[in-house]
């Protein structure tokens, strides 16, 4: 167990590091080269407009080792919003599962604090069978849309 792991909602002060993290994430996961300047502006827009979402970061000794962005998606069928957890990216491979799960559990706990949030969804590429299995182990169900969700 990582006793010094801190999982928290990011602040504007974290924007520069989040942007760098996102550039690294895109390169490592889908081999996409993102412009740091463009990504930095995109991160700043998340903080500028509430409806754009928020970030959850995991830190070890003051260094970001994992993050996700959470957005809201309204569901008229459920009369509530889903917290849509974008890909969770962790760079600390020795404790990857623990950090990943801590970020997911933080998002889920935050969702449960809001009366108008009815569940969480995670998006995963259809060919990423390893991540799909990990989400199933977290108690999420695969939908016909290849979206993982947990309704509560």
N, C-alpha and C. Protein backbone atom coordinates (compact mmCIF):
# COMPACT_ATOMS: atom_id res chain seq x y z
N UNK A 1 0.83 -1.19 0.00
CA UNK A 1 0.00 0.00 0.00
C UNK A 1 0.87 1.25 0.00
N UNK A 2 0.45 2.22 -0.75
CA UNK A 2 1.19 3.47 -0.86
C UNK A 2 0.64 4.46 0.16
N UNK A 3 1.27 4.55 1.30
CA UNK A 3 0.76 5.45 2.34
C UNK A 3 0.95 6.92 1.98
N UNK A 4 1.86 7.21 1.08
CA UNK A 4 2.11 8.61 0.71
C UNK A 4 1.42 9.01 -0.60
N UNK A 5 0.49 8.18 -1.07
CA UNK A 5 -0.27 8.51 -2.28
C UNK A 5 -1.38 9.50 -1.93
N UNK A 6 -1.42 10.60 -2.65
CA UNK A 6 -2.47 11.61 -2.48
C UNK A 6 -3.26 11.67 -3.78
N UNK A 7 -4.58 11.48 -3.68
CA UNK A 7 -5.46 11.59 -4.83
C UNK A 7 -6.39 12.76 -4.56
N UNK A 8 -6.42 13.71 -5.48
CA UNK A 8 -7.18 14.94 -5.23
C UNK A 8 -7.68 15.53 -6.53
N UNK A 9 -8.61 16.47 -6.40
CA UNK A 9 -9.07 17.24 -7.55
C UNK A 9 -7.97 18.24 -7.88
N UNK A 10 -7.63 18.32 -9.14
CA UNK A 10 -6.58 19.23 -9.58
C UNK A 10 -7.05 20.68 -9.49
N UNK A 11 -6.09 21.57 -9.38
CA UNK A 11 -6.35 23.01 -9.38
C UNK A 11 -5.68 23.64 -10.60
N UNK A 12 -5.97 24.91 -10.81
CA UNK A 12 -5.34 25.63 -11.93
C UNK A 12 -3.82 25.58 -11.85
N UNK A 13 -3.28 25.51 -10.65
CA UNK A 13 -1.83 25.45 -10.49
C UNK A 13 -1.23 24.19 -11.10
N UNK A 14 -2.04 23.16 -11.30
CA UNK A 14 -1.57 21.90 -11.86
C UNK A 14 -1.63 21.88 -13.38
N UNK A 15 -2.19 22.91 -14.01
CA UNK A 15 -2.48 22.89 -15.44
C UNK A 15 -1.26 22.58 -16.30
N UNK A 16 -0.14 23.19 -16.03
CA UNK A 16 1.06 22.95 -16.83
C UNK A 16 1.51 21.51 -16.78
N UNK A 17 1.51 20.93 -15.59
CA UNK A 17 1.92 19.53 -15.44
C UNK A 17 0.91 18.59 -16.08
N UNK A 18 -0.38 18.92 -15.97
CA UNK A 18 -1.41 18.09 -16.60
C UNK A 18 -1.22 18.09 -18.11
N UNK A 19 -0.95 19.24 -18.68
CA UNK A 19 -0.75 19.32 -20.13
C UNK A 19 0.44 18.46 -20.56
N UNK A 20 1.54 18.53 -19.83
CA UNK A 20 2.71 17.70 -20.15
C UNK A 20 2.37 16.22 -20.03
N UNK A 21 1.63 15.89 -19.00
CA UNK A 21 1.20 14.51 -18.77
C UNK A 21 0.35 14.03 -19.94
N UNK A 22 -0.57 14.88 -20.42
CA UNK A 22 -1.45 14.51 -21.53
C UNK A 22 -0.67 14.27 -22.82
N UNK A 23 0.34 15.08 -23.06
CA UNK A 23 1.17 14.89 -24.25
C UNK A 23 1.88 13.53 -24.18
N UNK A 24 2.42 13.21 -23.01
CA UNK A 24 3.07 11.92 -22.80
C UNK A 24 2.08 10.77 -22.97
N UNK A 25 0.90 10.94 -22.40
CA UNK A 25 -0.15 9.92 -22.47
C UNK A 25 -0.53 9.62 -23.92
N UNK A 26 -0.73 10.65 -24.72
CA UNK A 26 -1.11 10.46 -26.13
C UNK A 26 -0.01 9.73 -26.90
N UNK A 27 1.22 10.08 -26.62
CA UNK A 27 2.34 9.44 -27.32
C UNK A 27 2.45 7.97 -26.92
N UNK A 28 2.36 7.68 -25.64
CA UNK A 28 2.55 6.32 -25.17
C UNK A 28 1.38 5.40 -25.48
N UNK A 29 0.18 5.91 -25.51
CA UNK A 29 -0.98 5.03 -25.67
C UNK A 29 -1.46 4.88 -27.10
N UNK A 30 -1.45 5.95 -27.88
CA UNK A 30 -1.95 5.87 -29.26
C UNK A 30 -0.93 6.41 -30.27
N UNK A 31 0.31 6.61 -29.81
CA UNK A 31 1.40 7.09 -30.67
C UNK A 31 1.01 8.37 -31.41
N UNK A 32 0.37 9.27 -30.68
CA UNK A 32 -0.06 10.54 -31.26
C UNK A 32 0.78 11.67 -30.66
N UNK A 33 1.31 12.52 -31.53
CA UNK A 33 2.09 13.67 -31.10
C UNK A 33 1.17 14.87 -30.95
N UNK A 34 0.97 15.31 -29.73
CA UNK A 34 0.14 16.48 -29.46
C UNK A 34 1.01 17.71 -29.30
N UNK A 35 0.48 18.83 -29.70
CA UNK A 35 1.13 20.11 -29.48
C UNK A 35 0.98 20.48 -28.00
N UNK A 36 2.09 20.72 -27.33
CA UNK A 36 2.01 21.10 -25.93
C UNK A 36 1.27 22.42 -25.77
N UNK A 37 1.48 23.37 -26.68
CA UNK A 37 0.80 24.66 -26.58
C UNK A 37 -0.72 24.48 -26.70
N UNK A 38 -1.15 23.70 -27.67
CA UNK A 38 -2.58 23.47 -27.87
C UNK A 38 -3.19 22.71 -26.69
N UNK A 39 -2.46 21.70 -26.23
CA UNK A 39 -2.93 20.91 -25.09
C UNK A 39 -3.00 21.76 -23.82
N UNK A 40 -2.03 22.62 -23.64
CA UNK A 40 -2.03 23.50 -22.46
C UNK A 40 -3.26 24.40 -22.48
N UNK A 41 -3.58 24.95 -23.64
CA UNK A 41 -4.78 25.79 -23.75
C UNK A 41 -6.04 24.96 -23.48
N UNK A 42 -6.06 23.73 -23.98
CA UNK A 42 -7.20 22.86 -23.72
C UNK A 42 -7.38 22.55 -22.25
N UNK A 43 -6.29 22.33 -21.55
CA UNK A 43 -6.34 22.09 -20.09
C UNK A 43 -6.85 23.34 -19.39
N UNK A 44 -6.36 24.50 -19.78
CA UNK A 44 -6.83 25.75 -19.17
C UNK A 44 -8.34 25.93 -19.38
N UNK A 45 -8.86 25.50 -20.51
CA UNK A 45 -10.30 25.61 -20.77
C UNK A 45 -11.12 24.72 -19.85
N UNK A 46 -10.56 23.61 -19.42
CA UNK A 46 -11.26 22.78 -18.44
C UNK A 46 -11.46 23.57 -17.15
N UNK A 47 -10.43 24.26 -16.72
CA UNK A 47 -10.54 25.05 -15.49
C UNK A 47 -11.39 26.30 -15.68
N UNK A 48 -11.46 26.81 -16.90
CA UNK A 48 -12.19 28.05 -17.16
C UNK A 48 -13.70 27.86 -17.17
N UNK A 49 -14.16 26.67 -17.53
CA UNK A 49 -15.60 26.43 -17.67
C UNK A 49 -15.98 25.15 -16.94
N UNK A 50 -16.81 25.28 -15.94
CA UNK A 50 -17.22 24.14 -15.11
C UNK A 50 -17.75 22.98 -15.94
N UNK A 51 -18.54 23.29 -16.96
CA UNK A 51 -19.15 22.23 -17.76
C UNK A 51 -18.15 21.43 -18.58
N UNK A 52 -16.92 21.89 -18.67
CA UNK A 52 -15.90 21.15 -19.41
C UNK A 52 -15.33 19.98 -18.62
N UNK A 53 -15.61 19.92 -17.34
CA UNK A 53 -15.12 18.81 -16.52
C UNK A 53 -14.11 19.25 -15.49
N UNK A 54 -13.43 18.24 -14.95
CA UNK A 54 -12.38 18.49 -13.96
C UNK A 54 -11.39 17.33 -14.00
N UNK A 55 -10.24 17.56 -13.40
CA UNK A 55 -9.19 16.54 -13.35
C UNK A 55 -9.06 15.98 -11.95
N UNK A 56 -8.73 14.71 -11.89
CA UNK A 56 -8.33 14.06 -10.65
C UNK A 56 -6.90 13.60 -10.87
N UNK A 57 -6.04 13.95 -9.94
CA UNK A 57 -4.63 13.56 -10.06
C UNK A 57 -4.22 12.74 -8.85
N UNK A 58 -3.24 11.88 -9.09
CA UNK A 58 -2.60 11.11 -8.02
C UNK A 58 -1.15 11.58 -7.94
N UNK A 59 -0.69 11.81 -6.72
CA UNK A 59 0.67 12.30 -6.51
C UNK A 59 1.40 11.41 -5.53
N UNK A 60 2.68 11.22 -5.80
CA UNK A 60 3.60 10.60 -4.87
C UNK A 60 4.72 11.61 -4.63
N UNK A 61 4.89 11.99 -3.38
CA UNK A 61 5.93 12.95 -3.02
C UNK A 61 5.88 14.22 -3.87
N UNK A 62 4.67 14.71 -4.14
CA UNK A 62 4.48 15.95 -4.86
C UNK A 62 4.60 15.84 -6.37
N UNK A 63 4.78 14.63 -6.89
CA UNK A 63 4.92 14.42 -8.33
C UNK A 63 3.68 13.69 -8.84
N UNK A 64 3.10 14.21 -9.92
CA UNK A 64 1.92 13.57 -10.51
C UNK A 64 2.34 12.24 -11.13
N UNK A 65 1.66 11.16 -10.71
CA UNK A 65 1.95 9.83 -11.23
C UNK A 65 0.74 9.22 -11.93
N UNK A 66 -0.38 9.91 -11.90
CA UNK A 66 -1.57 9.42 -12.57
C UNK A 66 -2.62 10.51 -12.62
N UNK A 67 -3.50 10.40 -13.64
CA UNK A 67 -4.58 11.38 -13.74
C UNK A 67 -5.69 10.89 -14.64
N UNK A 68 -6.81 11.56 -14.51
CA UNK A 68 -7.93 11.40 -15.43
C UNK A 68 -8.68 12.71 -15.49
N UNK A 69 -9.43 12.88 -16.57
CA UNK A 69 -10.37 13.98 -16.67
C UNK A 69 -11.76 13.40 -16.57
N UNK A 70 -12.62 14.08 -15.83
CA UNK A 70 -14.00 13.64 -15.64
C UNK A 70 -14.92 14.68 -16.26
N UNK A 71 -15.83 14.20 -17.09
CA UNK A 71 -16.86 15.07 -17.67
C UNK A 71 -18.22 14.55 -17.23
N UNK A 72 -19.25 15.37 -17.44
CA UNK A 72 -20.61 14.98 -17.08
C UNK A 72 -21.43 14.76 -18.34
N UNK A 73 -22.22 13.70 -18.33
CA UNK A 73 -23.13 13.42 -19.44
C UNK A 73 -24.53 13.21 -18.88
N UNK A 74 -25.46 14.07 -19.28
CA UNK A 74 -26.82 13.98 -18.77
C UNK A 74 -27.55 12.80 -19.39
N UNK A 75 -28.30 12.09 -18.57
CA UNK A 75 -29.12 10.97 -19.04
C UNK A 75 -30.57 11.23 -18.67
N UNK A 76 -31.39 11.52 -19.66
CA UNK A 76 -32.81 11.73 -19.38
C UNK A 76 -33.46 10.42 -18.93
N UNK A 77 -32.95 9.30 -19.38
CA UNK A 77 -33.50 8.01 -18.98
C UNK A 77 -33.32 7.75 -17.49
N UNK A 78 -32.26 8.32 -16.91
CA UNK A 78 -31.97 8.13 -15.49
C UNK A 78 -32.23 9.39 -14.66
N UNK A 79 -32.63 10.49 -15.33
CA UNK A 79 -32.81 11.76 -14.66
C UNK A 79 -31.61 12.10 -13.79
N UNK A 80 -30.44 11.93 -14.37
CA UNK A 80 -29.21 12.21 -13.66
C UNK A 80 -28.04 12.24 -14.63
N UNK A 81 -26.92 12.68 -14.13
CA UNK A 81 -25.71 12.75 -14.95
C UNK A 81 -24.79 11.59 -14.62
N UNK A 82 -24.11 11.11 -15.63
CA UNK A 82 -23.02 10.16 -15.43
C UNK A 82 -21.72 10.94 -15.35
N UNK A 83 -20.85 10.56 -14.44
CA UNK A 83 -19.48 11.04 -14.48
C UNK A 83 -18.77 10.16 -15.49
N UNK A 84 -18.32 10.75 -16.59
CA UNK A 84 -17.60 10.02 -17.63
C UNK A 84 -16.11 10.17 -17.35
N UNK A 85 -15.52 9.08 -16.94
CA UNK A 85 -14.11 9.06 -16.58
C UNK A 85 -13.32 8.77 -17.84
N UNK A 86 -12.57 9.76 -18.28
CA UNK A 86 -11.74 9.58 -19.46
C UNK A 86 -10.63 8.60 -19.09
N UNK A 87 -9.86 8.18 -20.00
CA UNK A 87 -8.81 7.21 -19.72
C UNK A 87 -8.00 7.61 -18.50
N UNK A 88 -7.78 6.64 -17.65
CA UNK A 88 -6.93 6.85 -16.48
C UNK A 88 -5.51 6.47 -16.89
N UNK A 89 -4.60 7.40 -16.76
CA UNK A 89 -3.22 7.16 -17.19
C UNK A 89 -2.31 7.22 -15.97
N UNK A 90 -1.50 6.19 -15.81
CA UNK A 90 -0.58 6.08 -14.68
C UNK A 90 0.82 5.85 -15.22
N UNK A 91 1.79 6.59 -14.69
CA UNK A 91 3.17 6.41 -15.15
C UNK A 91 4.02 5.63 -14.16
N UNK A 92 3.53 5.39 -12.98
CA UNK A 92 4.28 4.68 -11.95
C UNK A 92 3.95 3.19 -12.07
N UNK A 93 4.70 2.47 -12.89
CA UNK A 93 4.32 1.10 -13.24
C UNK A 93 4.38 0.12 -12.06
N UNK A 94 5.25 0.37 -11.10
CA UNK A 94 5.37 -0.55 -9.97
C UNK A 94 4.06 -0.65 -9.18
N UNK A 95 3.34 0.45 -9.09
CA UNK A 95 2.08 0.49 -8.34
C UNK A 95 0.93 0.92 -9.23
N UNK A 96 0.99 0.56 -10.50
CA UNK A 96 0.00 1.03 -11.48
C UNK A 96 -1.44 0.71 -11.08
N UNK A 97 -1.70 -0.54 -10.70
CA UNK A 97 -3.07 -0.93 -10.37
C UNK A 97 -3.58 -0.17 -9.16
N UNK A 98 -2.76 -0.04 -8.15
CA UNK A 98 -3.18 0.67 -6.94
C UNK A 98 -3.47 2.14 -7.22
N UNK A 99 -2.65 2.78 -8.01
CA UNK A 99 -2.85 4.19 -8.36
C UNK A 99 -4.09 4.33 -9.23
N UNK A 100 -4.21 3.48 -10.24
CA UNK A 100 -5.38 3.48 -11.12
C UNK A 100 -6.66 3.34 -10.30
N UNK A 101 -6.71 2.35 -9.42
CA UNK A 101 -7.90 2.10 -8.63
C UNK A 101 -8.21 3.25 -7.68
N UNK A 102 -7.16 3.89 -7.15
CA UNK A 102 -7.36 5.03 -6.25
C UNK A 102 -7.98 6.20 -6.99
N UNK A 103 -7.56 6.43 -8.23
CA UNK A 103 -8.14 7.50 -9.04
C UNK A 103 -9.60 7.18 -9.35
N UNK A 104 -9.86 5.95 -9.78
CA UNK A 104 -11.23 5.53 -10.07
C UNK A 104 -12.12 5.67 -8.83
N UNK A 105 -11.64 5.19 -7.69
CA UNK A 105 -12.44 5.25 -6.47
C UNK A 105 -12.71 6.68 -6.02
N UNK A 106 -11.77 7.58 -6.25
CA UNK A 106 -11.98 9.00 -5.93
C UNK A 106 -13.09 9.57 -6.81
N UNK A 107 -13.05 9.27 -8.11
CA UNK A 107 -14.09 9.76 -9.02
C UNK A 107 -15.45 9.21 -8.60
N UNK A 108 -15.51 7.95 -8.25
CA UNK A 108 -16.76 7.32 -7.85
C UNK A 108 -17.29 7.94 -6.54
N UNK A 109 -16.40 8.17 -5.61
CA UNK A 109 -16.81 8.79 -4.34
C UNK A 109 -17.34 10.20 -4.57
N UNK A 110 -16.66 10.97 -5.42
CA UNK A 110 -17.14 12.32 -5.73
C UNK A 110 -18.50 12.27 -6.40
N UNK A 111 -18.70 11.32 -7.30
CA UNK A 111 -19.99 11.18 -7.97
C UNK A 111 -21.10 10.90 -6.97
N UNK A 112 -20.84 10.06 -6.02
CA UNK A 112 -21.85 9.68 -5.03
C UNK A 112 -22.22 10.84 -4.09
N UNK A 113 -21.37 11.85 -4.02
CA UNK A 113 -21.65 13.02 -3.18
C UNK A 113 -22.70 13.93 -3.79
N UNK A 114 -23.00 13.77 -5.08
CA UNK A 114 -23.92 14.67 -5.77
C UNK A 114 -25.22 13.96 -6.09
N UNK A 115 -26.33 14.53 -5.63
CA UNK A 115 -27.64 13.90 -5.79
C UNK A 115 -28.02 13.73 -7.26
N UNK A 116 -27.48 14.58 -8.14
CA UNK A 116 -27.87 14.52 -9.55
C UNK A 116 -26.93 13.68 -10.41
N UNK A 117 -26.03 12.95 -9.77
CA UNK A 117 -25.15 12.04 -10.49
C UNK A 117 -25.64 10.62 -10.24
N UNK A 118 -25.91 9.90 -11.33
CA UNK A 118 -26.53 8.58 -11.21
C UNK A 118 -25.55 7.43 -11.44
N UNK A 119 -24.31 7.72 -11.82
CA UNK A 119 -23.36 6.65 -12.04
C UNK A 119 -22.08 7.14 -12.68
N UNK A 120 -21.22 6.18 -12.99
CA UNK A 120 -19.95 6.49 -13.64
C UNK A 120 -19.83 5.67 -14.91
N UNK A 121 -19.12 6.23 -15.87
CA UNK A 121 -18.83 5.54 -17.12
C UNK A 121 -17.34 5.69 -17.43
N UNK A 122 -16.79 4.64 -17.98
CA UNK A 122 -15.41 4.68 -18.43
C UNK A 122 -15.38 4.26 -19.89
N UNK A 123 -14.62 4.97 -20.68
CA UNK A 123 -14.52 4.66 -22.09
C UNK A 123 -13.21 3.93 -22.35
N UNK A 124 -13.29 2.89 -23.16
CA UNK A 124 -12.11 2.09 -23.46
C UNK A 124 -12.17 1.66 -24.92
N UNK A 125 -11.02 1.59 -25.54
CA UNK A 125 -10.95 1.15 -26.93
C UNK A 125 -11.36 -0.31 -27.02
N UNK A 126 -12.09 -0.65 -28.08
CA UNK A 126 -12.63 -2.00 -28.22
C UNK A 126 -11.56 -3.08 -28.27
N UNK A 127 -10.35 -2.76 -28.69
CA UNK A 127 -9.28 -3.75 -28.76
C UNK A 127 -8.47 -3.86 -27.48
N UNK A 128 -8.73 -3.00 -26.52
CA UNK A 128 -7.97 -2.99 -25.27
C UNK A 128 -8.61 -3.96 -24.27
N UNK A 129 -8.42 -5.23 -24.50
CA UNK A 129 -9.05 -6.28 -23.69
C UNK A 129 -8.54 -6.28 -22.25
N UNK A 130 -7.28 -5.93 -22.05
CA UNK A 130 -6.71 -5.91 -20.70
C UNK A 130 -7.41 -4.87 -19.83
N UNK A 131 -7.61 -3.68 -20.38
CA UNK A 131 -8.29 -2.63 -19.62
C UNK A 131 -9.75 -2.99 -19.40
N UNK A 132 -10.39 -3.58 -20.39
CA UNK A 132 -11.79 -4.01 -20.23
C UNK A 132 -11.91 -4.99 -19.07
N UNK A 133 -10.98 -5.94 -18.98
CA UNK A 133 -11.00 -6.92 -17.88
C UNK A 133 -10.80 -6.22 -16.54
N UNK A 134 -9.91 -5.25 -16.50
CA UNK A 134 -9.67 -4.50 -15.26
C UNK A 134 -10.93 -3.77 -14.81
N UNK A 135 -11.67 -3.18 -15.76
CA UNK A 135 -12.90 -2.48 -15.42
C UNK A 135 -13.96 -3.44 -14.91
N UNK A 136 -14.03 -4.61 -15.51
CA UNK A 136 -14.98 -5.62 -15.03
C UNK A 136 -14.66 -6.03 -13.60
N UNK A 137 -13.37 -6.14 -13.28
CA UNK A 137 -12.96 -6.49 -11.92
C UNK A 137 -13.31 -5.39 -10.91
N UNK A 138 -13.47 -4.17 -11.41
CA UNK A 138 -13.88 -3.05 -10.54
C UNK A 138 -15.40 -3.03 -10.35
N UNK A 139 -16.12 -3.95 -10.98
CA UNK A 139 -17.56 -4.03 -10.81
C UNK A 139 -18.37 -3.33 -11.88
N UNK A 140 -17.73 -2.89 -12.95
CA UNK A 140 -18.44 -2.23 -14.04
C UNK A 140 -18.93 -3.28 -15.03
N UNK A 141 -20.05 -2.96 -15.67
CA UNK A 141 -20.60 -3.88 -16.65
C UNK A 141 -20.40 -3.33 -18.05
N UNK A 142 -20.10 -4.24 -18.98
CA UNK A 142 -19.95 -3.87 -20.38
C UNK A 142 -21.34 -3.65 -20.98
N UNK A 143 -21.52 -2.55 -21.67
CA UNK A 143 -22.80 -2.25 -22.29
C UNK A 143 -22.75 -2.60 -23.77
N UNK A 144 -23.89 -2.56 -24.42
CA UNK A 144 -23.91 -2.84 -25.86
C UNK A 144 -23.16 -1.79 -26.66
N UNK A 145 -22.85 -0.67 -26.03
CA UNK A 145 -22.13 0.41 -26.69
C UNK A 145 -20.64 0.37 -26.41
N UNK A 146 -20.17 -0.69 -25.81
CA UNK A 146 -18.78 -0.81 -25.37
C UNK A 146 -18.40 0.34 -24.45
N UNK A 147 -19.34 0.65 -23.59
CA UNK A 147 -19.11 1.65 -22.54
C UNK A 147 -19.27 0.92 -21.22
N UNK A 148 -18.38 1.20 -20.31
CA UNK A 148 -18.47 0.59 -18.98
C UNK A 148 -19.16 1.58 -18.05
N UNK A 149 -20.09 1.07 -17.25
CA UNK A 149 -20.77 1.96 -16.33
C UNK A 149 -21.14 1.22 -15.06
N UNK A 150 -21.36 1.98 -14.04
CA UNK A 150 -21.87 1.49 -12.78
C UNK A 150 -22.95 2.46 -12.35
N UNK A 151 -24.17 1.98 -12.20
CA UNK A 151 -25.27 2.84 -11.81
C UNK A 151 -25.51 2.69 -10.32
N UNK A 152 -25.69 3.83 -9.66
CA UNK A 152 -26.00 3.78 -8.22
C UNK A 152 -26.97 4.87 -7.87
